Protein backbone atom coordinates (compact mmCIF):
# COMPACT_ATOMS: atom_id res chain seq x y z
CA MET A 1 -7.14 14.37 16.55
CA SER A 2 -5.05 14.32 13.52
CA VAL A 3 -1.60 14.11 14.63
CA LEU A 4 -0.17 15.25 11.23
CA GLU A 5 -2.45 17.49 9.09
CA CYS A 6 -1.42 19.36 5.16
CA ARG A 7 -3.42 22.19 4.47
CA ASN A 8 -3.23 23.60 1.03
CA LEU A 9 0.60 22.93 1.53
CA THR A 10 2.91 23.66 -1.67
CA LYS A 11 6.74 22.85 -2.19
CA LYS A 12 8.12 23.92 -5.32
CA TYR A 13 11.92 23.57 -6.42
CA GLY A 14 12.66 26.76 -8.34
CA ASN A 15 9.80 26.36 -11.46
CA LEU A 16 9.44 22.19 -10.84
CA THR A 17 6.21 22.21 -7.96
CA ALA A 18 7.07 18.87 -6.34
CA LEU A 19 3.92 18.89 -4.19
CA ASP A 20 1.20 21.06 -5.65
CA ASN A 21 -1.80 22.63 -3.00
CA ILE A 22 -2.08 19.09 -1.05
CA ASP A 23 -4.45 18.66 2.09
CA LEU A 24 -4.21 15.53 4.23
CA THR A 25 -5.36 14.64 7.15
CA LEU A 26 -3.75 11.43 9.51
CA GLU A 27 -4.57 10.15 12.90
CA PRO A 28 -2.70 8.28 15.48
CA GLY A 29 -3.45 4.39 16.08
CA ARG A 30 -2.62 3.84 12.36
CA ILE A 31 -0.33 2.45 9.72
CA VAL A 32 -0.16 4.26 6.95
CA GLY A 33 1.47 4.28 3.12
CA LEU A 34 2.53 6.67 1.01
CA VAL A 35 3.20 5.35 -2.61
CA GLY A 36 3.89 6.96 -5.76
CA PRO A 37 5.96 7.08 -8.80
CA ASN A 38 9.65 8.68 -8.36
CA GLY A 39 9.49 12.09 -8.60
CA SER A 40 5.60 11.81 -7.17
CA GLY A 41 6.48 14.35 -3.80
CA LYS A 42 6.88 11.04 -1.48
CA THR A 43 10.21 12.52 -0.07
CA THR A 44 9.68 15.93 -0.27
CA LEU A 45 6.36 15.73 1.88
CA ILE A 46 8.42 13.47 4.98
CA LYS A 47 10.85 16.31 4.79
CA LEU A 48 8.55 19.01 5.60
CA ALA A 49 7.19 16.60 7.94
CA GLN A 50 11.02 16.48 9.67
CA HIS A 51 11.17 20.99 8.95
CA MET A 52 14.50 19.83 6.37
CA LEU A 53 12.77 21.34 4.05
CA THR A 54 9.45 24.65 4.36
CA PRO A 55 6.66 24.72 2.60
CA THR A 56 6.86 27.46 -0.26
CA GLU A 57 2.49 28.10 0.21
CA GLY A 58 0.40 26.42 3.10
CA GLN A 59 0.74 24.48 6.10
CA ILE A 60 1.98 20.97 7.55
CA LEU A 61 1.23 20.40 11.19
CA ILE A 62 2.67 18.20 13.53
CA GLY A 63 0.36 17.48 16.67
CA GLY A 64 -1.16 20.94 15.61
CA ALA A 65 1.92 22.73 15.52
CA GLU A 66 4.35 23.72 12.70
CA PRO A 67 7.65 21.21 12.27
CA GLY A 68 10.69 23.10 14.52
CA PRO A 69 12.79 22.08 16.99
CA TRP A 70 9.48 21.85 19.31
CA THR A 71 8.30 19.26 16.94
CA LYS A 72 11.07 17.21 17.12
CA GLY A 73 10.61 15.25 20.29
CA MET A 74 7.48 14.10 18.42
CA VAL A 75 8.79 12.59 15.28
CA SER A 76 11.03 9.66 14.89
CA TYR A 77 12.63 9.70 11.19
CA LEU A 78 14.27 7.56 9.35
CA PRO A 79 15.81 8.40 6.01
CA ASP A 80 16.29 6.78 2.86
CA ARG A 81 20.20 6.30 3.52
CA ASP A 82 22.67 5.94 6.57
CA PHE A 83 22.60 8.89 8.12
CA LEU A 84 24.45 7.37 11.49
CA PRO A 85 28.15 8.07 12.23
CA SER A 86 29.86 5.53 10.36
CA TRP A 87 32.96 5.43 13.61
CA MET A 88 30.83 4.60 16.23
CA ASN A 89 30.04 0.83 16.91
CA VAL A 90 26.16 -0.13 17.91
CA ASP A 91 26.80 0.08 21.34
CA SER A 92 27.99 3.44 21.03
CA LEU A 93 25.40 4.16 18.87
CA LEU A 94 22.55 2.96 21.80
CA HIS A 95 24.73 6.08 23.97
CA PHE A 96 24.73 8.09 21.12
CA TYR A 97 20.66 8.15 21.14
CA MET A 98 20.17 7.33 24.73
CA ASP A 99 21.82 10.87 24.88
CA PHE A 100 19.76 12.78 22.89
CA TYR A 101 16.51 11.47 22.92
CA GLN A 102 14.92 11.15 25.96
CA ASP A 103 12.22 9.09 24.46
CA PHE A 104 14.45 6.23 23.45
CA ASP A 105 14.31 2.58 25.21
CA PRO A 106 17.22 1.27 25.03
CA ASP A 107 16.47 -2.22 26.41
CA ARG A 108 14.42 -2.30 23.18
CA ALA A 109 16.61 -1.27 21.11
CA ARG A 110 19.09 -4.18 22.74
CA GLN A 111 16.55 -6.87 22.58
CA MET A 112 16.05 -6.25 19.12
CA LEU A 113 19.61 -6.23 18.19
CA GLU A 114 20.14 -9.55 19.71
CA SER A 115 17.27 -10.77 18.16
CA LEU A 116 18.92 -10.00 14.69
CA GLY A 117 22.32 -11.51 15.89
CA ILE A 118 23.82 -7.82 15.52
CA ASP A 119 27.35 -7.62 17.14
CA PRO A 120 27.28 -3.98 19.22
CA ARG A 121 30.70 -4.30 19.07
CA MET A 122 30.71 -3.48 14.88
CA THR A 123 31.67 -0.72 14.00
CA PHE A 124 28.27 0.78 11.60
CA LYS A 125 31.00 1.08 8.76
CA LYS A 126 31.89 -2.41 8.83
CA LEU A 127 28.70 -3.79 8.96
CA SER A 128 26.25 -4.58 5.34
CA LYS A 129 24.45 -2.59 4.16
CA GLY A 130 21.20 -4.61 5.05
CA THR A 131 22.71 -4.74 8.33
CA ARG A 132 23.20 -1.21 9.05
CA GLU A 133 19.57 -0.57 7.48
CA LYS A 134 17.98 -2.78 10.46
CA VAL A 135 20.28 -0.89 12.81
CA GLN A 136 18.71 2.31 11.49
CA LEU A 137 15.49 1.23 11.62
CA ILE A 138 16.05 -0.21 15.21
CA MET A 139 17.04 2.68 16.69
CA THR A 140 13.99 4.99 15.36
CA MET A 141 11.17 2.47 16.40
CA SER A 142 13.08 2.02 19.54
CA ARG A 143 11.93 5.74 20.65
CA LYS A 144 8.41 6.37 22.39
CA ALA A 145 7.63 8.88 19.56
CA SER A 146 4.03 9.95 18.43
CA VAL A 147 5.02 10.07 14.53
CA TYR A 148 7.18 7.62 12.80
CA LEU A 149 8.60 8.77 8.90
CA LEU A 150 9.97 6.10 7.38
CA ASP A 151 11.45 6.74 4.08
CA GLU A 152 11.72 3.44 2.27
CA PRO A 153 12.75 0.99 5.38
CA ILE A 154 13.01 -2.22 3.86
CA ALA A 155 14.37 -1.41 0.33
CA GLY A 156 17.70 -2.76 1.08
CA VAL A 157 17.33 -6.11 3.04
CA ASP A 158 17.16 -9.36 2.28
CA PRO A 159 13.25 -10.78 1.96
CA ALA A 160 13.89 -12.94 4.70
CA ALA A 161 14.33 -10.10 6.91
CA ARG A 162 11.18 -7.92 5.41
CA ASP A 163 8.85 -10.20 7.74
CA TYR A 164 10.85 -9.15 11.08
CA ILE A 165 11.14 -5.34 10.24
CA LEU A 166 7.41 -5.24 9.48
CA ARG A 167 6.67 -7.50 12.84
CA THR A 168 9.12 -4.29 14.59
CA ILE A 169 7.17 -1.79 13.11
CA ILE A 170 4.07 -3.01 14.38
CA SER A 171 5.07 -3.83 17.66
CA SER A 172 7.12 -0.83 18.35
CA TYR A 173 4.57 1.88 18.07
CA SER A 174 1.58 2.76 20.67
CA GLU A 175 -1.90 3.41 19.93
CA ASN A 176 -0.97 7.07 20.10
CA ALA A 177 1.33 7.20 16.80
CA LEU A 178 1.25 7.26 13.32
CA VAL A 179 3.47 5.21 11.11
CA LEU A 180 3.79 6.81 8.12
CA ILE A 181 5.68 4.64 5.85
CA SER A 182 7.39 5.67 2.43
CA THR A 183 8.21 2.86 -0.26
CA HIS A 184 8.12 1.06 -3.45
CA LEU A 185 7.65 -2.43 -1.95
CA ILE A 186 3.81 -2.19 -1.51
CA ALA A 187 3.17 -5.67 -1.89
CA ASP A 188 5.79 -6.28 1.57
CA VAL A 189 4.23 -3.72 3.27
CA GLU A 190 0.86 -4.24 2.52
CA PRO A 191 -0.82 -6.38 5.27
CA VAL A 192 0.60 -4.35 7.70
CA LEU A 193 -1.15 -1.16 6.29
CA ASP A 194 -4.68 0.44 7.42
CA GLU A 195 -4.62 3.41 4.92
CA VAL A 196 -2.66 3.94 1.84
CA VAL A 197 -2.11 7.73 0.45
CA PHE A 198 -1.44 7.64 -3.03
CA LEU A 199 0.37 10.64 -4.83
CA LYS A 200 1.21 11.61 -8.60
CA GLN A 201 3.05 14.21 -9.64
CA GLY A 202 2.57 16.48 -6.47
CA HIS A 203 -1.26 15.46 -6.06
CA ILE A 204 -2.89 13.22 -4.10
CA GLU A 205 -4.70 10.63 -6.09
CA LEU A 206 -6.17 8.43 -3.47
CA HIS A 207 -6.60 8.58 0.39
CA GLU A 208 -8.45 5.44 1.12
CA ASN A 209 -8.70 2.55 4.10
CA ALA A 210 -6.81 -0.20 3.21
CA ASP A 211 -9.27 -2.61 3.68
CA ALA A 212 -11.82 -0.47 1.47
CA LEU A 213 -9.75 0.22 -1.24
CA ARG A 214 -9.55 -3.73 -1.90
CA GLU A 215 -13.48 -4.54 -1.43
CA ARG A 216 -14.03 -1.39 -3.67
CA THR A 217 -11.71 -2.05 -6.51
CA GLY A 218 -11.46 -6.52 -6.19
CA MET A 219 -7.62 -5.95 -6.23
CA SER A 220 -5.07 -5.65 -3.67
CA VAL A 221 -3.55 -2.56 -2.70
CA ASP A 222 -0.03 -3.48 -5.14
CA GLY A 223 -2.51 -4.65 -8.24
CA TYR A 224 -5.06 -1.49 -7.93
CA PHE A 225 -1.41 1.20 -7.38
CA ARG A 226 -0.03 -1.04 -10.47
CA GLU A 227 -3.40 -0.61 -12.40
CA VAL A 228 -3.02 3.04 -11.98
CA TYR A 229 0.04 3.94 -12.29
CA LYS A 230 0.96 1.44 -15.15
CA CYS A 231 2.73 2.97 -18.30
């Protein structure tokens, strides 16, 4: 059974069509890379799934239901910019998530914070940009959600932390959950991907198993992406 499905999904902003009549079915237990050049519709798709936008035409379904307040408990979302209250310290953020999300696991979050040497007494605004992104990812992945929507989760962190973050993503979701990662850093996330979806000008150019793509083309996912989208 699919956990995220798009049926003839279209989203327009005035005269601009961000997504054009797309069909997509994603199943649980998979890590899926959502890739494409700027303006291809990646963030729009994620925001539609998060119910931050509504379709112009067609449907997007989460667990068989259209996104709304009832699907918020199923979806854990990491936007591509800071979103946590800057005045809170990290420990207060833990309690904030415990109060707000029934599926939040504070022990998992504290373990990951400790392993990265993040002081829970520090206020969020005093952390470096990379550390803020780590904290936000930890909060997102410490929920026991059915769908994780991660918009550029490793864009602002140093290369040394990327492996840790990817291991965190792999170890923090269940076989009944879907992880959808929107990213430009394909080479970094490629080792963890089960499937890849290529978007271009609001259309799905390709949706394929990552191993099958590599076997069919004789190229890495990153190499194939560069070939398809080269200027």
